[in-house]
Amino acid sequence: MNLVRLFPVGNVERSLLERLRSGISSHLKIRCELAQFELDPVLAYHAERQQFHSSEILQSLHVMPRSKGCHLLGVTGVDLYIPILKYVFGEAQLGGPCAVVSFHRLRQEFYGLEPDDALLGERLLKECIHELGHTLDLRHCQDYRCAMASAQAVEGIDLRGSSLCDSCQAQVDSRRRPEKLRAIYKALRP
């Protein structure tokens, strides 16, 4: 992965996306840019649950044109689910190029509390890094401080960090090394 393109799914504040773009670039040390248009989540809406099926949003992202090494990250304020769970904070294609994250249940207001934009930004960044980690073929980590730790509730997201633990980072680095060597070799060939 050498680029993450953020796609607003539905109406998402530009300032939130800009903070997220900056945070992803800083934490993952990769280029992150905003898409020029938004995706409409309406096709993924299921009236019987009054929620949006995250896998259907992923499918919409998957068919979008992208260059090699570009990962697409959908960011939305709608409530996501998959059929076997009541809700999800996000979903990713393990080892694939796409992920989606919702901040619907990351907002303090969802729990009847006062809004906290700083906490929302922190939670959203952690969840984005987590789902992007899945696109890098990382599984859930046992270290609760790692960004790849599993979280079934917002309190779990609050406990984990926004960085990968040494073990998860080593997995990512070991996958990047052959790509870098191939690129160097190709550049040196006559």
C-alpha atoms as a PDB file:
ATOM      1  CA  MET A   1       0.000   0.000   0.000  1.00  0.00           C
ATOM      2  CA  ASN A   2       1.464   3.313  -1.047  1.00  0.00           C
ATOM      3  CA  LEU A   3      -1.712   5.415  -1.142  1.00  0.00           C
ATOM      4  CA  VAL A   4      -5.005   5.564   0.747  1.00  0.00           C
ATOM      5  CA  ARG A   5      -7.901   7.346  -0.940  1.00  0.00           C
ATOM      6  CA  LEU A   6     -10.686   8.416   1.442  1.00  0.00           C
ATOM      7  CA  PHE A   7     -14.211   8.235   0.067  1.00  0.00           C
ATOM      8  CA  PRO A   8     -17.025   9.932   1.935  1.00  0.00           C
ATOM      9  CA  VAL A   9     -20.010   7.582   1.945  1.00  0.00           C
ATOM     10  CA  GLY A  10     -22.967   9.909   2.281  1.00  0.00           C
ATOM     11  CA  ASN A  11     -22.608  13.343   3.832  1.00  0.00           C
ATOM     12  CA  VAL A  12     -19.343  13.578   5.826  1.00  0.00           C
ATOM     13  CA  GLU A  13     -17.886  16.869   7.074  1.00  0.00           C
ATOM     14  CA  ARG A  14     -14.831  17.890   5.082  1.00  0.00           C
ATOM     15  CA  SER A  15     -12.990  18.972   8.259  1.00  0.00           C
ATOM     16  CA  LEU A  16     -13.383  15.472   9.724  1.00  0.00           C
ATOM     17  CA  LEU A  17     -11.998  13.923   6.532  1.00  0.00           C
ATOM     18  CA  GLU A  18      -9.070  16.377   6.478  1.00  0.00           C
ATOM     19  CA  ARG A  19      -8.133  15.508  10.080  1.00  0.00           C
ATOM     20  CA  LEU A  20      -8.413  11.838   9.218  1.00  0.00           C
ATOM     21  CA  ARG A  21      -6.288  12.254   6.085  1.00  0.00           C
ATOM     22  CA  SER A  22      -3.559  13.908   8.113  1.00  0.00           C
ATOM     23  CA  GLY A  23      -3.712  11.283  10.879  1.00  0.00           C
ATOM     24  CA  ILE A  24      -3.538   8.327   8.496  1.00  0.00           C
ATOM     25  CA  SER A  25      -0.584   9.863   6.647  1.00  0.00           C
ATOM     26  CA  SER A  26       1.227  10.510   9.904  1.00  0.00           C
ATOM     27  CA  HIS A  27       0.584   7.135  11.552  1.00  0.00           C
ATOM     28  CA  LEU A  28       1.030   4.859   8.544  1.00  0.00           C
ATOM     29  CA  LYS A  29       3.718   6.937   6.799  1.00  0.00           C
ATOM     30  CA  ILE A  30       1.901   6.796   3.467  1.00  0.00           C
ATOM     31  CA  ARG A  31       0.187   9.282   1.196  1.00  0.00           C
ATOM     32  CA  CYS A  32      -3.497   9.792   1.898  1.00  0.00           C
ATOM     33  CA  GLU A  33      -5.835  11.848  -0.277  1.00  0.00           C
ATOM     34  CA  LEU A  34      -9.512  12.696  -0.438  1.00  0.00           C
ATOM     35  CA  ALA A  35     -11.648  11.431  -3.302  1.00  0.00           C
ATOM     36  CA  GLN A  36     -13.266  14.083  -5.457  1.00  0.00           C
ATOM     37  CA  PHE A  37     -16.784  12.707  -5.018  1.00  0.00           C
ATOM     38  CA  GLU A  38     -18.847  10.809  -2.462  1.00  0.00           C
ATOM     39  CA  LEU A  39     -20.560   7.445  -2.636  1.00  0.00           C
ATOM     40  CA  ASP A  40     -24.277   7.216  -1.958  1.00  0.00           C
ATOM     41  CA  PRO A  41     -24.994   4.550   0.695  1.00  0.00           C
ATOM     42  CA  VAL A  42     -28.706   4.263  -0.172  1.00  0.00           C
ATOM     43  CA  LEU A  43     -28.298   0.995  -2.114  1.00  0.00           C
ATOM     44  CA  ALA A  44     -26.887  -0.669   1.012  1.00  0.00           C
ATOM     45  CA  TYR A  45     -29.830   0.381   3.213  1.00  0.00           C
ATOM     46  CA  HIS A  46     -32.000  -2.387   4.674  1.00  0.00           C
ATOM     47  CA  ALA A  47     -35.293  -1.050   6.015  1.00  0.00           C
ATOM     48  CA  GLU A  48     -36.004  -4.131   8.140  1.00  0.00           C
ATOM     49  CA  ARG A  49     -32.897  -3.346  10.234  1.00  0.00           C
ATOM     50  CA  GLN A  50     -32.816   0.409   9.638  1.00  0.00           C
ATOM     51  CA  GLN A  51     -29.090  -0.005   8.981  1.00  0.00           C
ATOM     52  CA  PHE A  52     -26.667  -0.178   6.068  1.00  0.00           C
ATOM     53  CA  HIS A  53     -24.983  -3.447   5.038  1.00  0.00           C
ATOM     54  CA  SER A  54     -21.250  -2.743   5.143  1.00  0.00           C
ATOM     55  CA  SER A  55     -20.362  -5.548   2.707  1.00  0.00           C
ATOM     56  CA  GLU A  56     -22.521  -3.903   0.039  1.00  0.00           C
ATOM     57  CA  ILE A  57     -20.679  -0.616   0.523  1.00  0.00           C
ATOM     58  CA  LEU A  58     -17.384  -2.512   0.233  1.00  0.00           C
ATOM     59  CA  GLN A  59     -18.614  -3.976  -3.040  1.00  0.00           C
ATOM     60  CA  SER A  60     -19.258  -0.456  -4.373  1.00  0.00           C
ATOM     61  CA  LEU A  61     -15.719   0.555  -3.425  1.00  0.00           C
ATOM     62  CA  HIS A  62     -14.228  -2.575  -4.946  1.00  0.00           C
ATOM     63  CA  VAL A  63     -15.467  -1.780  -8.464  1.00  0.00           C
ATOM     64  CA  MET A  64     -13.985   1.736  -8.400  1.00  0.00           C
ATOM     65  CA  PRO A  65     -10.900   2.304 -10.565  1.00  0.00           C
ATOM     66  CA  ARG A  66      -7.650   2.484  -8.628  1.00  0.00           C
ATOM     67  CA  SER A  67      -3.950   2.226  -9.315  1.00  0.00           C
ATOM     68  CA  LYS A  68      -1.759  -0.580  -8.025  1.00  0.00           C
ATOM     69  CA  GLY A  69      -0.953  -0.099  -4.357  1.00  0.00           C
ATOM     70  CA  CYS A  70      -3.928   2.208  -3.795  1.00  0.00           C
ATOM     71  CA  HIS A  71      -6.335   1.259  -1.015  1.00  0.00           C
ATOM     72  CA  LEU A  72      -9.816   2.756  -0.824  1.00  0.00           C
ATOM     73  CA  LEU A  73     -11.319   3.656   2.543  1.00  0.00           C
ATOM     74  CA  GLY A  74     -14.975   4.592   2.781  1.00  0.00           C
ATOM     75  CA  VAL A  75     -15.892   6.841   5.725  1.00  0.00           C
ATOM     76  CA  THR A  76     -19.516   7.217   6.713  1.00  0.00           C
ATOM     77  CA  GLY A  77     -21.859   8.441   9.409  1.00  0.00           C
ATOM     78  CA  VAL A  78     -24.492   5.760   8.769  1.00  0.00           C
ATOM     79  CA  ASP A  79     -25.028   2.761  11.054  1.00  0.00           C
ATOM     80  CA  LEU A  80     -23.352  -0.360   9.599  1.00  0.00           C
ATOM     81  CA  TYR A  81     -24.069  -4.041  10.115  1.00  0.00           C
ATOM     82  CA  ILE A  82     -23.327  -7.478   8.771  1.00  0.00           C
ATOM     83  CA  PRO A  83     -26.024 -10.161   9.017  1.00  0.00           C
ATOM     84  CA  ILE A  84     -24.416 -12.075  11.908  1.00  0.00           C
ATOM     85  CA  LEU A  85     -23.849  -8.987  14.095  1.00  0.00           C
ATOM     86  CA  LYS A  86     -26.081  -6.215  15.422  1.00  0.00           C
ATOM     87  CA  TYR A  87     -23.599  -3.597  14.211  1.00  0.00           C
ATOM     88  CA  VAL A  88     -19.998  -3.105  13.080  1.00  0.00           C
ATOM     89  CA  PHE A  89     -17.677  -0.118  13.366  1.00  0.00           C
ATOM     90  CA  GLY A  90     -16.114  -1.089  10.061  1.00  0.00           C
ATOM     91  CA  GLU A  91     -15.319  -3.871   7.644  1.00  0.00           C
ATOM     92  CA  ALA A  92     -12.400  -4.641   5.350  1.00  0.00           C
ATOM     93  CA  GLN A  93     -11.410  -7.163   2.726  1.00  0.00           C
ATOM     94  CA  LEU A  94      -8.643  -9.161   4.390  1.00  0.00           C
ATOM     95  CA  GLY A  95      -5.627  -8.626   2.153  1.00  0.00           C
ATOM     96  CA  GLY A  96      -7.825  -6.712  -0.289  1.00  0.00           C
ATOM     97  CA  PRO A  97      -7.810  -3.081  -1.407  1.00  0.00           C
ATOM     98  CA  CYS A  98     -10.971  -1.770   0.302  1.00  0.00           C
ATOM     99  CA  ALA A  99     -12.355  -0.966   3.745  1.00  0.00           C
ATOM    100  CA  VAL A 100     -15.237   1.028   5.192  1.00  0.00           C
ATOM    101  CA  VAL A 101     -15.578   2.661   8.623  1.00  0.00           C
ATOM    102  CA  SER A 102     -18.565   4.270  10.308  1.00  0.00           C
ATOM    103  CA  PHE A 103     -18.408   6.952  12.990  1.00  0.00           C
ATOM    104  CA  HIS A 104     -22.126   6.552  13.804  1.00  0.00           C
ATOM    105  CA  ARG A 105     -21.449   4.605  17.023  1.00  0.00           C
ATOM    106  CA  LEU A 106     -18.161   6.377  17.728  1.00  0.00           C
ATOM    107  CA  ARG A 107     -19.926   9.651  18.565  1.00  0.00           C
ATOM    108  CA  GLN A 108     -20.535  10.387  22.251  1.00  0.00           C
ATOM    109  CA  GLU A 109     -24.056  11.575  21.364  1.00  0.00           C
ATOM    110  CA  PHE A 110     -24.966   7.999  20.376  1.00  0.00           C
ATOM    111  CA  TYR A 111     -24.573   7.062  24.049  1.00  0.00           C
ATOM    112  CA  GLY A 112     -26.521  10.076  25.333  1.00  0.00           C
ATOM    113  CA  LEU A 113     -23.395  12.076  26.215  1.00  0.00           C
ATOM    114  CA  GLU A 114     -22.182  15.537  25.230  1.00  0.00           C
ATOM    115  CA  PRO A 115     -20.421  15.792  21.833  1.00  0.00           C
ATOM    116  CA  ASP A 116     -16.632  15.474  21.937  1.00  0.00           C
ATOM    117  CA  ASP A 117     -15.037  16.159  18.552  1.00  0.00           C
ATOM    118  CA  ALA A 118     -11.522  15.336  19.764  1.00  0.00           C
ATOM    119  CA  LEU A 119     -12.603  11.922  21.080  1.00  0.00           C
ATOM    120  CA  LEU A 120     -14.557  11.219  17.889  1.00  0.00           C
ATOM    121  CA  GLY A 121     -11.486  12.042  15.786  1.00  0.00           C
ATOM    122  CA  GLU A 122      -9.303   9.777  17.927  1.00  0.00           C
ATOM    123  CA  ARG A 123     -11.758   6.861  17.763  1.00  0.00           C
ATOM    124  CA  LEU A 124     -12.242   7.251  14.027  1.00  0.00           C
ATOM    125  CA  LEU A 125      -8.502   7.301  13.351  1.00  0.00           C
ATOM    126  CA  LYS A 126      -8.004   4.144  15.447  1.00  0.00           C
ATOM    127  CA  GLU A 127     -10.796   2.352  13.615  1.00  0.00           C
ATOM    128  CA  CYS A 128      -9.480   3.435  10.201  1.00  0.00           C
ATOM    129  CA  ILE A 129      -5.984   2.202  10.998  1.00  0.00           C
ATOM    130  CA  HIS A 130      -7.505  -1.060  12.267  1.00  0.00           C
ATOM    131  CA  GLU A 131      -9.475  -1.679   9.065  1.00  0.00           C
ATOM    132  CA  LEU A 132      -6.555  -0.634   6.847  1.00  0.00           C
ATOM    133  CA  GLY A 133      -4.465  -3.141   8.815  1.00  0.00           C
ATOM    134  CA  HIS A 134      -6.879  -5.849   7.675  1.00  0.00           C
ATOM    135  CA  THR A 135      -6.310  -4.779   4.064  1.00  0.00           C
ATOM    136  CA  LEU A 136      -2.621  -5.394   4.754  1.00  0.00           C
ATOM    137  CA  ASP A 137      -3.578  -8.965   5.721  1.00  0.00           C
ATOM    138  CA  LEU A 138      -3.250  -8.369   9.475  1.00  0.00           C
ATOM    139  CA  ARG A 139      -5.550 -10.324  11.768  1.00  0.00           C
ATOM    140  CA  HIS A 140      -6.729  -9.324  15.243  1.00  0.00           C
ATOM    141  CA  CYS A 141      -3.909  -8.890  17.745  1.00  0.00           C
ATOM    142  CA  GLN A 142      -3.898 -10.106  21.353  1.00  0.00           C
ATOM    143  CA  ASP A 143      -2.144  -6.923  22.552  1.00  0.00           C
ATOM    144  CA  TYR A 144      -5.046  -4.707  23.662  1.00  0.00           C
ATOM    145  CA  ARG A 145      -2.925  -1.589  23.035  1.00  0.00           C
ATOM    146  CA  CYS A 146      -2.335  -2.445  19.373  1.00  0.00           C
ATOM    147  CA  ALA A 147      -4.483  -0.812  16.689  1.00  0.00           C
ATOM    148  CA  MET A 148      -5.264  -4.362  15.488  1.00  0.00           C
ATOM    149  CA  ALA A 149      -6.871  -5.412  18.798  1.00  0.00           C
ATOM    150  CA  SER A 150     -10.476  -6.520  18.408  1.00  0.00           C
ATOM    151  CA  ALA A 151     -13.190  -4.223  19.794  1.00  0.00           C
ATOM    152  CA  GLN A 152     -16.852  -5.169  20.076  1.00  0.00           C
ATOM    153  CA  ALA A 153     -17.713  -1.968  21.955  1.00  0.00           C
ATOM    154  CA  VAL A 154     -16.493   1.623  21.844  1.00  0.00           C
ATOM    155  CA  GLU A 155     -14.689   1.099  25.178  1.00  0.00           C
ATOM    156  CA  GLY A 156     -12.403  -1.397  23.405  1.00  0.00           C
ATOM    157  CA  ILE A 157     -11.530   1.231  20.815  1.00  0.00           C
ATOM    158  CA  ASP A 158     -10.765   3.696  23.620  1.00  0.00           C
ATOM    159  CA  LEU A 159      -8.334   1.185  25.177  1.00  0.00           C
ATOM    160  CA  ARG A 160      -6.343   0.442  22.066  1.00  0.00           C
ATOM    161  CA  GLY A 161      -3.758   2.725  20.531  1.00  0.00           C
ATOM    162  CA  SER A 162      -3.616   4.180  17.054  1.00  0.00           C
ATOM    163  CA  SER A 163      -0.321   2.455  16.227  1.00  0.00           C
ATOM    164  CA  LEU A 164       0.580  -1.116  15.417  1.00  0.00           C
ATOM    165  CA  CYS A 165       2.440  -3.151  18.035  1.00  0.00           C
ATOM    166  CA  ASP A 166       5.984  -4.288  17.186  1.00  0.00           C
ATOM    167  CA  SER A 167       4.750  -7.719  16.060  1.00  0.00           C
ATOM    168  CA  CYS A 168       2.085  -6.365  13.681  1.00  0.00           C
ATOM    169  CA  GLN A 169       4.458  -3.698  12.351  1.00  0.00           C
ATOM    170  CA  ALA A 170       7.070  -6.397  11.674  1.00  0.00           C
ATOM    171  CA  GLN A 171       4.481  -8.334   9.630  1.00  0.00           C
ATOM    172  CA  VAL A 172       3.730  -5.252   7.532  1.00  0.00           C
ATOM    173  CA  ASP A 173       7.436  -4.474   7.087  1.00  0.00           C
ATOM    174  CA  SER A 174       8.232  -8.051   6.028  1.00  0.00           C
ATOM    175  CA  ARG A 175       5.590  -7.834   3.279  1.00  0.00           C
ATOM    176  CA  ARG A 176       6.855  -4.452   2.058  1.00  0.00           C
ATOM    177  CA  ARG A 177      10.504  -5.487   1.849  1.00  0.00           C
ATOM    178  CA  PRO A 178      10.160  -7.759  -1.229  1.00  0.00           C
ATOM    179  CA  GLU A 179       8.169  -5.051  -3.053  1.00  0.00           C
ATOM    180  CA  LYS A 180      10.879  -2.480  -2.369  1.00  0.00           C
ATOM    181  CA  LEU A 181      13.622  -4.877  -3.466  1.00  0.00           C
ATOM    182  CA  ARG A 182      11.762  -5.671  -6.710  1.00  0.00           C
ATOM    183  CA  ALA A 183      11.333  -1.948  -7.398  1.00  0.00           C
ATOM    184  CA  ILE A 184      15.044  -1.298  -6.772  1.00  0.00           C
ATOM    185  CA  TYR A 185      16.035  -4.259  -8.965  1.00  0.00           C
ATOM    186  CA  LYS A 186      13.717  -3.103 -11.753  1.00  0.00           C
ATOM    187  CA  ALA A 187      15.111   0.441 -11.590  1.00  0.00           C
ATOM    188  CA  LEU A 188      18.690  -0.852 -11.790  1.00  0.00           C
ATOM    189  CA  ARG A 189      18.096  -3.155 -14.766  1.00  0.00           C
ATOM    190  CA  PRO A 190      19.354  -1.841 -18.097  1.00  0.00           C
END
